[in-house]
Amino acid sequence: MTDHTAVAERYIAAWNETDAEARAKAVAGLWTEDGGYTDPLAAVSGHEGVAAVIAGAQQMFPGFVFTLGGPVDGHHDTLRFTWHLGPEGAPEPVVIGFDVVALAEDGRIRSVYGFLDKVPA
C-alpha cells in the first residue's frame, strides 16, 4: 500500500529543489518516464518537461517555498492535497493550489492535475 503522505512530501520537496541537477534527480525518482503534469498554465510530460515547469515556477516566485496546506487524502492509486506557496514563515501564502495525483503500479507519479485556488493579481 502506498503512503500517500510520503508521496506528497517528496512531491513538495521536488518543487522546492533549487539545484537543477538535484531537481532532475528528484523528478526522475518520483515520476514515471512518461509521467505528466497539467495545470492552467502548463501541460507537459516526461522528466525534462516536469523539471522545466518546476524551474519556471521558481523563477516566477524567487525565494518562495511550497508547503503542504493540510492533510493528504488518498485511496488506491490516487491522492489529493492542498499546497501553499509563499515566503518561508509568512503568515499567509501568496498562492494556494490543489493537486490530484495518479500513481503508477510502482508507486511513482503517472499524472498530476493541478488547480490554482488563489493567485496574485
N, C-alpha and C. Protein backbone atom coordinates (compact mmCIF):
# COMPACT_ATOMS: atom_id res chain seq x y z
N MET A 1 0.84 -1.19 0.00
CA MET A 1 0.00 0.00 0.00
C MET A 1 0.89 1.25 0.00
N THR A 2 0.55 2.21 -0.79
CA THR A 2 1.32 3.44 -0.93
C THR A 2 1.05 4.37 0.24
N ASP A 3 2.10 4.97 0.77
CA ASP A 3 1.96 6.01 1.79
C ASP A 3 1.75 7.33 1.05
N HIS A 4 0.50 7.74 0.93
CA HIS A 4 0.16 8.91 0.15
C HIS A 4 0.81 10.18 0.69
N THR A 5 0.91 10.30 2.01
CA THR A 5 1.54 11.48 2.60
C THR A 5 3.02 11.54 2.22
N ALA A 6 3.69 10.41 2.23
CA ALA A 6 5.11 10.38 1.86
C ALA A 6 5.30 10.81 0.41
N VAL A 7 4.41 10.36 -0.48
CA VAL A 7 4.50 10.76 -1.89
C VAL A 7 4.32 12.27 -2.00
N ALA A 8 3.32 12.82 -1.31
CA ALA A 8 3.07 14.27 -1.36
C ALA A 8 4.25 15.05 -0.80
N GLU A 9 4.87 14.56 0.24
CA GLU A 9 6.04 15.24 0.82
C GLU A 9 7.21 15.23 -0.15
N ARG A 10 7.44 14.12 -0.83
CA ARG A 10 8.51 14.05 -1.83
C ARG A 10 8.21 14.97 -3.01
N TYR A 11 6.94 15.04 -3.38
CA TYR A 11 6.49 15.91 -4.46
C TYR A 11 6.78 17.38 -4.10
N ILE A 12 6.39 17.79 -2.92
CA ILE A 12 6.65 19.17 -2.46
C ILE A 12 8.15 19.43 -2.42
N ALA A 13 8.92 18.47 -1.95
CA ALA A 13 10.38 18.63 -1.90
C ALA A 13 10.96 18.84 -3.29
N ALA A 14 10.42 18.13 -4.29
CA ALA A 14 10.90 18.31 -5.67
C ALA A 14 10.61 19.73 -6.15
N TRP A 15 9.45 20.26 -5.81
CA TRP A 15 9.09 21.63 -6.21
C TRP A 15 9.95 22.67 -5.49
N ASN A 16 10.52 22.32 -4.35
CA ASN A 16 11.38 23.25 -3.62
C ASN A 16 12.86 23.11 -3.96
N GLU A 17 13.21 22.10 -4.73
CA GLU A 17 14.63 21.86 -5.05
C GLU A 17 15.11 22.89 -6.05
N THR A 18 16.06 23.72 -5.64
CA THR A 18 16.55 24.80 -6.50
C THR A 18 17.78 24.40 -7.32
N ASP A 19 18.47 23.35 -6.93
CA ASP A 19 19.62 22.88 -7.70
C ASP A 19 19.10 22.05 -8.88
N ALA A 20 19.44 22.47 -10.10
CA ALA A 20 18.89 21.84 -11.31
C ALA A 20 19.20 20.34 -11.36
N GLU A 21 20.41 19.95 -11.02
CA GLU A 21 20.77 18.53 -11.09
C GLU A 21 20.01 17.72 -10.04
N ALA A 22 19.93 18.24 -8.82
CA ALA A 22 19.20 17.55 -7.76
C ALA A 22 17.70 17.50 -8.08
N ARG A 23 17.18 18.58 -8.68
CA ARG A 23 15.77 18.61 -9.06
C ARG A 23 15.49 17.55 -10.12
N ALA A 24 16.35 17.44 -11.12
CA ALA A 24 16.18 16.44 -12.17
C ALA A 24 16.18 15.03 -11.57
N LYS A 25 17.06 14.81 -10.62
CA LYS A 25 17.13 13.51 -9.95
C LYS A 25 15.86 13.23 -9.14
N ALA A 26 15.36 14.25 -8.46
CA ALA A 26 14.13 14.09 -7.67
C ALA A 26 12.95 13.78 -8.59
N VAL A 27 12.85 14.49 -9.70
CA VAL A 27 11.76 14.27 -10.66
C VAL A 27 11.86 12.85 -11.23
N ALA A 28 13.05 12.43 -11.61
CA ALA A 28 13.23 11.10 -12.19
C ALA A 28 12.86 10.00 -11.20
N GLY A 29 13.11 10.24 -9.91
CA GLY A 29 12.77 9.25 -8.91
C GLY A 29 11.30 9.22 -8.55
N LEU A 30 10.61 10.31 -8.83
CA LEU A 30 9.22 10.45 -8.40
C LEU A 30 8.21 10.19 -9.51
N TRP A 31 8.52 10.58 -10.75
CA TRP A 31 7.60 10.43 -11.88
C TRP A 31 8.02 9.25 -12.76
N THR A 32 7.05 8.62 -13.41
CA THR A 32 7.37 7.64 -14.44
C THR A 32 8.00 8.40 -15.61
N GLU A 33 8.66 7.68 -16.50
CA GLU A 33 9.36 8.30 -17.63
C GLU A 33 8.42 9.15 -18.48
N ASP A 34 7.18 8.71 -18.64
CA ASP A 34 6.22 9.45 -19.46
C ASP A 34 5.19 10.18 -18.60
N GLY A 35 5.47 10.31 -17.31
CA GLY A 35 4.55 10.96 -16.39
C GLY A 35 4.27 12.40 -16.79
N GLY A 36 3.08 12.86 -16.46
CA GLY A 36 2.69 14.19 -16.88
C GLY A 36 2.32 15.11 -15.75
N TYR A 37 2.27 16.40 -16.09
CA TYR A 37 1.83 17.44 -15.16
C TYR A 37 0.98 18.42 -15.96
N THR A 38 -0.24 18.68 -15.47
CA THR A 38 -1.15 19.60 -16.15
C THR A 38 -1.77 20.53 -15.12
N ASP A 39 -1.69 21.83 -15.39
CA ASP A 39 -2.40 22.83 -14.60
C ASP A 39 -2.85 23.92 -15.56
N PRO A 40 -3.48 25.00 -15.08
CA PRO A 40 -3.97 26.02 -16.01
C PRO A 40 -2.87 26.70 -16.83
N LEU A 41 -1.63 26.60 -16.40
CA LEU A 41 -0.53 27.30 -17.08
C LEU A 41 0.39 26.38 -17.87
N ALA A 42 0.26 25.06 -17.69
CA ALA A 42 1.21 24.14 -18.32
C ALA A 42 0.58 22.78 -18.55
N ALA A 43 1.09 22.09 -19.57
CA ALA A 43 0.73 20.70 -19.83
C ALA A 43 1.97 20.05 -20.42
N VAL A 44 2.66 19.25 -19.61
CA VAL A 44 3.92 18.65 -20.04
C VAL A 44 3.93 17.17 -19.68
N SER A 45 4.86 16.45 -20.33
CA SER A 45 5.09 15.06 -19.96
C SER A 45 6.58 14.79 -20.03
N GLY A 46 6.99 13.76 -19.31
CA GLY A 46 8.40 13.39 -19.27
C GLY A 46 9.15 14.16 -18.21
N HIS A 47 10.27 13.58 -17.81
CA HIS A 47 11.06 14.17 -16.73
C HIS A 47 11.53 15.58 -17.05
N GLU A 48 12.02 15.81 -18.26
CA GLU A 48 12.53 17.15 -18.61
C GLU A 48 11.42 18.19 -18.58
N GLY A 49 10.24 17.82 -19.07
CA GLY A 49 9.11 18.75 -19.07
C GLY A 49 8.68 19.12 -17.66
N VAL A 50 8.58 18.13 -16.79
CA VAL A 50 8.17 18.39 -15.41
C VAL A 50 9.21 19.25 -14.71
N ALA A 51 10.49 18.91 -14.85
CA ALA A 51 11.55 19.70 -14.22
C ALA A 51 11.55 21.14 -14.73
N ALA A 52 11.23 21.33 -16.00
CA ALA A 52 11.19 22.68 -16.57
C ALA A 52 10.04 23.50 -15.98
N VAL A 53 8.89 22.87 -15.76
CA VAL A 53 7.76 23.57 -15.15
C VAL A 53 8.11 23.99 -13.72
N ILE A 54 8.77 23.11 -12.99
CA ILE A 54 9.17 23.44 -11.63
C ILE A 54 10.15 24.61 -11.65
N ALA A 55 11.14 24.56 -12.54
CA ALA A 55 12.11 25.66 -12.65
C ALA A 55 11.40 26.97 -13.00
N GLY A 56 10.40 26.91 -13.87
CA GLY A 56 9.65 28.09 -14.24
C GLY A 56 8.90 28.70 -13.06
N ALA A 57 8.30 27.85 -12.23
CA ALA A 57 7.60 28.34 -11.04
C ALA A 57 8.57 29.01 -10.08
N GLN A 58 9.76 28.42 -9.95
CA GLN A 58 10.76 29.01 -9.07
C GLN A 58 11.25 30.36 -9.59
N GLN A 59 11.35 30.50 -10.90
CA GLN A 59 11.75 31.78 -11.49
C GLN A 59 10.65 32.82 -11.32
N MET A 60 9.40 32.39 -11.39
CA MET A 60 8.28 33.30 -11.25
C MET A 60 8.13 33.80 -9.80
N PHE A 61 8.50 32.94 -8.85
CA PHE A 61 8.37 33.25 -7.43
C PHE A 61 9.69 32.98 -6.71
N PRO A 62 10.72 33.77 -7.00
CA PRO A 62 12.03 33.50 -6.40
C PRO A 62 12.01 33.60 -4.87
N GLY A 63 12.64 32.62 -4.26
CA GLY A 63 12.74 32.60 -2.80
C GLY A 63 11.51 32.07 -2.08
N PHE A 64 10.43 31.79 -2.81
CA PHE A 64 9.22 31.24 -2.19
C PHE A 64 9.40 29.74 -1.99
N VAL A 65 8.63 29.19 -1.05
CA VAL A 65 8.67 27.76 -0.80
C VAL A 65 7.26 27.17 -0.85
N PHE A 66 7.19 25.94 -1.30
CA PHE A 66 5.94 25.18 -1.29
C PHE A 66 5.83 24.44 0.02
N THR A 67 4.63 24.37 0.57
CA THR A 67 4.35 23.57 1.76
C THR A 67 3.00 22.88 1.57
N LEU A 68 2.82 21.78 2.26
CA LEU A 68 1.50 21.15 2.25
C LEU A 68 0.54 22.06 3.01
N GLY A 69 -0.66 22.22 2.47
CA GLY A 69 -1.64 23.11 3.08
C GLY A 69 -2.62 22.40 3.99
N GLY A 70 -2.39 21.14 4.27
CA GLY A 70 -3.29 20.35 5.11
C GLY A 70 -2.99 18.88 4.93
N PRO A 71 -3.87 18.05 5.43
CA PRO A 71 -3.64 16.61 5.31
C PRO A 71 -3.77 16.12 3.86
N VAL A 72 -3.11 15.01 3.60
CA VAL A 72 -3.17 14.37 2.29
C VAL A 72 -4.26 13.31 2.35
N ASP A 73 -5.13 13.31 1.34
CA ASP A 73 -6.20 12.33 1.26
C ASP A 73 -5.89 11.41 0.08
N GLY A 74 -6.11 10.13 0.25
CA GLY A 74 -5.83 9.22 -0.85
C GLY A 74 -6.50 7.88 -0.69
N HIS A 75 -6.67 7.23 -1.80
CA HIS A 75 -7.13 5.85 -1.83
C HIS A 75 -6.63 5.22 -3.12
N HIS A 76 -6.45 3.93 -3.08
CA HIS A 76 -5.95 3.18 -4.22
C HIS A 76 -4.71 3.86 -4.81
N ASP A 77 -4.78 4.26 -6.07
CA ASP A 77 -3.62 4.86 -6.73
C ASP A 77 -3.77 6.37 -6.91
N THR A 78 -4.62 7.01 -6.08
CA THR A 78 -4.91 8.42 -6.26
C THR A 78 -4.78 9.16 -4.94
N LEU A 79 -4.19 10.35 -5.00
CA LEU A 79 -4.11 11.20 -3.82
C LEU A 79 -4.43 12.63 -4.20
N ARG A 80 -4.83 13.39 -3.19
CA ARG A 80 -5.12 14.80 -3.41
C ARG A 80 -4.67 15.58 -2.18
N PHE A 81 -4.27 16.82 -2.42
CA PHE A 81 -3.81 17.65 -1.32
C PHE A 81 -3.79 19.11 -1.76
N THR A 82 -3.86 19.98 -0.78
CA THR A 82 -3.72 21.41 -0.98
C THR A 82 -2.28 21.79 -0.69
N TRP A 83 -1.75 22.72 -1.46
CA TRP A 83 -0.41 23.22 -1.21
C TRP A 83 -0.44 24.74 -1.15
N HIS A 84 0.55 25.28 -0.46
CA HIS A 84 0.72 26.72 -0.33
C HIS A 84 2.07 27.11 -0.91
N LEU A 85 2.14 28.34 -1.42
CA LEU A 85 3.40 28.88 -1.93
C LEU A 85 3.53 30.31 -1.42
N GLY A 86 4.66 30.59 -0.80
CA GLY A 86 4.91 31.94 -0.31
C GLY A 86 6.26 32.02 0.35
N PRO A 87 6.61 33.21 0.84
CA PRO A 87 7.87 33.35 1.56
C PRO A 87 7.85 32.45 2.80
N GLU A 88 8.98 31.85 3.09
CA GLU A 88 9.07 30.96 4.25
C GLU A 88 8.70 31.72 5.51
N GLY A 89 7.80 31.16 6.30
CA GLY A 89 7.40 31.76 7.56
C GLY A 89 6.34 32.84 7.44
N ALA A 90 5.91 33.15 6.22
CA ALA A 90 4.89 34.19 6.04
C ALA A 90 3.56 33.72 6.63
N PRO A 91 2.77 34.63 7.21
CA PRO A 91 1.51 34.22 7.82
C PRO A 91 0.46 33.75 6.81
N GLU A 92 0.52 34.24 5.58
CA GLU A 92 -0.43 33.86 4.55
C GLU A 92 0.31 33.50 3.26
N PRO A 93 -0.07 32.40 2.61
CA PRO A 93 0.56 32.07 1.33
C PRO A 93 0.12 33.04 0.24
N VAL A 94 0.98 33.26 -0.73
CA VAL A 94 0.67 34.11 -1.87
C VAL A 94 -0.17 33.33 -2.88
N VAL A 95 0.13 32.04 -3.02
CA VAL A 95 -0.58 31.17 -3.96
C VAL A 95 -1.06 29.94 -3.19
N ILE A 96 -2.27 29.50 -3.50
CA ILE A 96 -2.81 28.26 -2.94
C ILE A 96 -3.29 27.41 -4.10
N GLY A 97 -2.93 26.14 -4.08
CA GLY A 97 -3.34 25.23 -5.13
C GLY A 97 -3.80 23.90 -4.56
N PHE A 98 -4.34 23.10 -5.44
CA PHE A 98 -4.90 21.80 -5.09
C PHE A 98 -4.48 20.84 -6.19
N ASP A 99 -3.82 19.75 -5.84
CA ASP A 99 -3.34 18.79 -6.83
C ASP A 99 -3.97 17.42 -6.62
N VAL A 100 -4.26 16.77 -7.73
CA VAL A 100 -4.72 15.39 -7.75
C VAL A 100 -3.65 14.59 -8.48
N VAL A 101 -3.17 13.54 -7.84
CA VAL A 101 -2.05 12.77 -8.35
C VAL A 101 -2.48 11.32 -8.57
N ALA A 102 -2.20 10.80 -9.76
CA ALA A 102 -2.46 9.39 -10.07
C ALA A 102 -1.12 8.67 -10.10
N LEU A 103 -1.04 7.55 -9.41
CA LEU A 103 0.20 6.79 -9.30
C LEU A 103 0.19 5.58 -10.22
N ALA A 104 1.36 5.23 -10.70
CA ALA A 104 1.54 4.00 -11.46
C ALA A 104 1.62 2.83 -10.48
N GLU A 105 1.65 1.64 -11.00
CA GLU A 105 1.71 0.44 -10.15
C GLU A 105 2.95 0.41 -9.27
N ASP A 106 4.04 1.02 -9.72
CA ASP A 106 5.28 1.00 -8.93
C ASP A 106 5.33 2.12 -7.89
N GLY A 107 4.24 2.91 -7.75
CA GLY A 107 4.18 3.96 -6.75
C GLY A 107 4.68 5.31 -7.21
N ARG A 108 5.22 5.37 -8.45
CA ARG A 108 5.66 6.66 -8.98
C ARG A 108 4.48 7.40 -9.60
N ILE A 109 4.65 8.69 -9.78
CA ILE A 109 3.58 9.52 -10.33
C ILE A 109 3.41 9.26 -11.82
N ARG A 110 2.17 8.99 -12.20
CA ARG A 110 1.80 8.82 -13.60
C ARG A 110 1.29 10.14 -14.16
N SER A 111 0.50 10.87 -13.35
CA SER A 111 -0.01 12.16 -13.80
C SER A 111 -0.42 13.01 -12.60
N VAL A 112 -0.30 14.32 -12.80
CA VAL A 112 -0.73 15.31 -11.82
C VAL A 112 -1.67 16.27 -12.52
N TYR A 113 -2.77 16.58 -11.86
CA TYR A 113 -3.71 17.58 -12.33
C TYR A 113 -3.78 18.65 -11.26
N GLY A 114 -3.28 19.85 -11.59
CA GLY A 114 -3.21 20.92 -10.62
C GLY A 114 -4.26 21.99 -10.87
N PHE A 115 -4.74 22.56 -9.78
CA PHE A 115 -5.73 23.63 -9.81
C PHE A 115 -5.21 24.78 -8.96
N LEU A 116 -5.43 26.00 -9.41
CA LEU A 116 -4.99 27.19 -8.69
C LEU A 116 -6.19 27.83 -8.03
N ASP A 117 -6.20 27.85 -6.71
CA ASP A 117 -7.33 28.37 -5.95
C ASP A 117 -7.14 29.84 -5.59
N LYS A 118 -5.90 30.25 -5.39
CA LYS A 118 -5.58 31.65 -5.06
C LYS A 118 -4.31 32.02 -5.78
N VAL A 119 -4.38 33.08 -6.59
CA VAL A 119 -3.20 33.56 -7.31
C VAL A 119 -3.11 35.08 -7.14
N PRO A 120 -1.90 35.62 -7.20
CA PRO A 120 -1.78 37.08 -7.09
C PRO A 120 -2.37 37.77 -8.32
N ALA A 121 -2.82 38.98 -8.10
CA ALA A 121 -3.44 39.75 -9.18
C ALA A 121 -2.44 40.09 -10.26
